[in-house]
Amino acid sequence: MDAYAGQPLPKKLGIKTGMKVALLHAPPGFEQAIAPIPGDVQFQDDLAEGCELAIWFVRSQEELAQAIQTVSN
């Protein structure tokens, strides 16, 4: 964990230049909150073809349990 101390949030999350990143149920303003974003990153709200990283926000364990089958397919 110390390796990430002082690193920007996109690096901690594994967001790299040119990636397609799915933000599933992200809170409003999340993209702006993690700035600066590496160049040419494309955010999308689904797991469309070519998605290299998914960041999924759930608000409860129940929500996670109900939706995990949908997301894993």
N, C-alpha and C. Protein backbone atom coordinates (compact mmCIF):
# COMPACT_ATOMS: atom_id res chain seq x y z
N MET A 1 0.82 -1.20 0.00
CA MET A 1 0.00 0.00 0.00
C MET A 1 0.86 1.26 0.00
N ASP A 2 2.03 1.20 0.60
CA ASP A 2 2.89 2.38 0.62
C ASP A 2 3.33 2.80 -0.77
N ALA A 3 3.35 1.86 -1.71
CA ALA A 3 3.76 2.18 -3.07
C ALA A 3 2.82 3.20 -3.71
N TYR A 4 1.58 3.28 -3.24
CA TYR A 4 0.60 4.20 -3.81
C TYR A 4 0.45 5.48 -3.01
N ALA A 5 1.16 5.58 -1.91
CA ALA A 5 1.07 6.79 -1.09
C ALA A 5 1.51 7.99 -1.91
N GLY A 6 0.69 9.02 -1.93
CA GLY A 6 1.01 10.24 -2.65
C GLY A 6 0.75 10.18 -4.15
N GLN A 7 0.25 9.05 -4.64
CA GLN A 7 -0.04 8.90 -6.06
C GLN A 7 -1.45 9.43 -6.36
N PRO A 8 -1.68 9.94 -7.58
CA PRO A 8 -3.03 10.40 -7.93
C PRO A 8 -4.01 9.23 -8.00
N LEU A 9 -5.26 9.52 -7.73
CA LEU A 9 -6.29 8.48 -7.70
C LEU A 9 -6.39 7.68 -8.99
N PRO A 10 -6.31 8.29 -10.18
CA PRO A 10 -6.37 7.48 -11.40
C PRO A 10 -5.29 6.39 -11.44
N LYS A 11 -4.10 6.70 -10.97
CA LYS A 11 -3.03 5.70 -10.93
C LYS A 11 -3.37 4.59 -9.95
N LYS A 12 -3.90 4.95 -8.79
CA LYS A 12 -4.29 3.96 -7.79
C LYS A 12 -5.37 3.03 -8.33
N LEU A 13 -6.25 3.57 -9.16
CA LEU A 13 -7.34 2.77 -9.74
C LEU A 13 -6.90 1.98 -10.97
N GLY A 14 -5.73 2.24 -11.48
CA GLY A 14 -5.24 1.52 -12.65
C GLY A 14 -5.67 2.14 -13.97
N ILE A 15 -6.10 3.39 -13.96
CA ILE A 15 -6.52 4.07 -15.18
C ILE A 15 -5.28 4.56 -15.91
N LYS A 16 -5.15 4.12 -17.17
CA LYS A 16 -3.98 4.46 -17.97
C LYS A 16 -4.40 5.15 -19.26
N THR A 17 -3.45 5.82 -19.89
CA THR A 17 -3.67 6.53 -21.14
C THR A 17 -4.34 5.63 -22.17
N GLY A 18 -5.40 6.17 -22.81
CA GLY A 18 -6.08 5.47 -23.89
C GLY A 18 -7.07 4.39 -23.48
N MET A 19 -7.29 4.19 -22.20
CA MET A 19 -8.20 3.12 -21.75
C MET A 19 -9.66 3.51 -21.95
N LYS A 20 -10.50 2.46 -22.10
CA LYS A 20 -11.95 2.61 -22.02
C LYS A 20 -12.36 2.12 -20.64
N VAL A 21 -12.97 3.01 -19.88
CA VAL A 21 -13.31 2.74 -18.49
C VAL A 21 -14.81 2.85 -18.30
N ALA A 22 -15.42 1.78 -17.79
CA ALA A 22 -16.84 1.80 -17.46
C ALA A 22 -17.02 2.32 -16.04
N LEU A 23 -17.85 3.32 -15.90
CA LEU A 23 -18.23 3.83 -14.58
C LEU A 23 -19.67 3.43 -14.35
N LEU A 24 -19.86 2.40 -13.54
CA LEU A 24 -21.19 1.85 -13.31
C LEU A 24 -21.79 2.44 -12.04
N HIS A 25 -22.84 3.21 -12.20
CA HIS A 25 -23.57 3.86 -11.10
C HIS A 25 -22.68 4.85 -10.34
N ALA A 26 -21.78 5.50 -11.05
CA ALA A 26 -20.88 6.47 -10.42
C ALA A 26 -21.67 7.67 -9.90
N PRO A 27 -21.24 8.22 -8.79
CA PRO A 27 -21.91 9.42 -8.28
C PRO A 27 -21.66 10.60 -9.21
N PRO A 28 -22.57 11.56 -9.21
CA PRO A 28 -22.38 12.75 -10.05
C PRO A 28 -21.04 13.42 -9.75
N GLY A 29 -20.35 13.80 -10.80
CA GLY A 29 -19.09 14.51 -10.64
C GLY A 29 -17.88 13.64 -10.38
N PHE A 30 -18.03 12.32 -10.45
CA PHE A 30 -16.91 11.44 -10.15
C PHE A 30 -15.73 11.68 -11.10
N GLU A 31 -16.01 11.81 -12.39
CA GLU A 31 -14.93 12.03 -13.37
C GLU A 31 -14.12 13.27 -13.02
N GLN A 32 -14.78 14.32 -12.64
CA GLN A 32 -14.09 15.55 -12.29
C GLN A 32 -13.34 15.40 -10.96
N ALA A 33 -13.87 14.60 -10.06
CA ALA A 33 -13.26 14.43 -8.74
C ALA A 33 -11.94 13.69 -8.79
N ILE A 34 -11.74 12.85 -9.81
CA ILE A 34 -10.49 12.09 -9.88
C ILE A 34 -9.46 12.73 -10.82
N ALA A 35 -9.74 13.92 -11.30
CA ALA A 35 -8.80 14.61 -12.20
C ALA A 35 -7.48 14.85 -11.47
N PRO A 36 -6.38 14.88 -12.20
CA PRO A 36 -6.25 14.82 -13.65
C PRO A 36 -6.28 13.38 -14.17
N ILE A 37 -6.96 13.22 -15.29
CA ILE A 37 -7.12 11.92 -15.94
C ILE A 37 -6.04 11.78 -17.02
N PRO A 38 -5.43 10.60 -17.15
CA PRO A 38 -4.47 10.41 -18.25
C PRO A 38 -5.13 10.67 -19.61
N GLY A 39 -4.33 11.01 -20.60
CA GLY A 39 -4.84 11.37 -21.92
C GLY A 39 -5.61 10.26 -22.62
N ASP A 40 -6.57 10.68 -23.41
CA ASP A 40 -7.38 9.80 -24.26
C ASP A 40 -8.17 8.73 -23.52
N VAL A 41 -8.44 8.91 -22.24
CA VAL A 41 -9.29 7.97 -21.50
C VAL A 41 -10.73 8.24 -21.90
N GLN A 42 -11.46 7.16 -22.19
CA GLN A 42 -12.87 7.27 -22.55
C GLN A 42 -13.70 6.63 -21.44
N PHE A 43 -14.59 7.44 -20.85
CA PHE A 43 -15.50 6.92 -19.84
C PHE A 43 -16.81 6.55 -20.51
N GLN A 44 -17.40 5.45 -20.08
CA GLN A 44 -18.70 5.00 -20.58
C GLN A 44 -19.50 4.49 -19.39
N ASP A 45 -20.80 4.36 -19.58
CA ASP A 45 -21.65 3.94 -18.46
C ASP A 45 -22.13 2.50 -18.59
N ASP A 46 -21.43 1.72 -19.41
CA ASP A 46 -21.78 0.30 -19.54
C ASP A 46 -20.53 -0.51 -19.85
N LEU A 47 -20.69 -1.81 -19.91
CA LEU A 47 -19.57 -2.72 -20.16
C LEU A 47 -19.47 -3.07 -21.64
N ALA A 48 -19.54 -2.06 -22.48
CA ALA A 48 -19.50 -2.26 -23.92
C ALA A 48 -18.17 -2.90 -24.33
N GLU A 49 -18.18 -3.45 -25.53
CA GLU A 49 -16.99 -4.09 -26.08
C GLU A 49 -15.80 -3.13 -26.02
N GLY A 50 -14.67 -3.66 -25.66
CA GLY A 50 -13.46 -2.85 -25.57
C GLY A 50 -13.21 -2.24 -24.21
N CYS A 51 -14.13 -2.42 -23.29
CA CYS A 51 -13.95 -1.89 -21.93
C CYS A 51 -12.78 -2.63 -21.27
N GLU A 52 -11.83 -1.86 -20.76
CA GLU A 52 -10.64 -2.45 -20.16
C GLU A 52 -10.66 -2.41 -18.63
N LEU A 53 -11.50 -1.58 -18.08
CA LEU A 53 -11.58 -1.43 -16.63
C LEU A 53 -13.00 -1.02 -16.28
N ALA A 54 -13.55 -1.63 -15.25
CA ALA A 54 -14.87 -1.24 -14.75
C ALA A 54 -14.74 -0.82 -13.29
N ILE A 55 -15.30 0.32 -12.99
CA ILE A 55 -15.38 0.80 -11.61
C ILE A 55 -16.87 0.84 -11.28
N TRP A 56 -17.25 -0.03 -10.37
CA TRP A 56 -18.66 -0.24 -10.06
C TRP A 56 -18.96 0.26 -8.65
N PHE A 57 -19.90 1.16 -8.56
CA PHE A 57 -20.31 1.72 -7.27
C PHE A 57 -21.60 1.05 -6.81
N VAL A 58 -21.57 0.49 -5.63
CA VAL A 58 -22.78 -0.06 -5.01
C VAL A 58 -22.95 0.62 -3.66
N ARG A 59 -24.18 0.72 -3.25
CA ARG A 59 -24.47 1.44 -2.01
C ARG A 59 -24.79 0.52 -0.83
N SER A 60 -24.92 -0.78 -1.12
CA SER A 60 -25.19 -1.71 -0.03
C SER A 60 -24.81 -3.13 -0.47
N GLN A 61 -24.65 -3.98 0.49
CA GLN A 61 -24.35 -5.38 0.20
C GLN A 61 -25.53 -6.03 -0.54
N GLU A 62 -26.74 -5.62 -0.20
CA GLU A 62 -27.93 -6.15 -0.88
C GLU A 62 -27.93 -5.77 -2.36
N GLU A 63 -27.60 -4.52 -2.67
CA GLU A 63 -27.53 -4.09 -4.06
C GLU A 63 -26.47 -4.90 -4.82
N LEU A 64 -25.35 -5.14 -4.19
CA LEU A 64 -24.29 -5.93 -4.80
C LEU A 64 -24.78 -7.34 -5.09
N ALA A 65 -25.41 -7.98 -4.13
CA ALA A 65 -25.89 -9.34 -4.31
C ALA A 65 -26.93 -9.44 -5.42
N GLN A 66 -27.80 -8.46 -5.54
CA GLN A 66 -28.86 -8.49 -6.56
C GLN A 66 -28.31 -8.26 -7.96
N ALA A 67 -27.27 -7.47 -8.10
CA ALA A 67 -26.80 -7.07 -9.42
C ALA A 67 -25.57 -7.82 -9.91
N ILE A 68 -24.93 -8.60 -9.07
CA ILE A 68 -23.65 -9.20 -9.47
C ILE A 68 -23.79 -10.15 -10.67
N GLN A 69 -24.88 -10.85 -10.77
CA GLN A 69 -25.06 -11.73 -11.92
C GLN A 69 -25.12 -10.94 -13.22
N THR A 70 -25.81 -9.84 -13.24
CA THR A 70 -25.93 -9.01 -14.43
C THR A 70 -24.57 -8.48 -14.86
N VAL A 71 -23.81 -7.96 -13.93
CA VAL A 71 -22.53 -7.37 -14.24
C VAL A 71 -21.51 -8.43 -14.66
N SER A 72 -21.56 -9.60 -14.06
CA SER A 72 -20.57 -10.63 -14.36
C SER A 72 -20.81 -11.29 -15.71
N ASN A 73 -21.99 -11.14 -16.28
CA ASN A 73 -22.25 -11.72 -17.60
C ASN A 73 -21.80 -10.78 -18.61
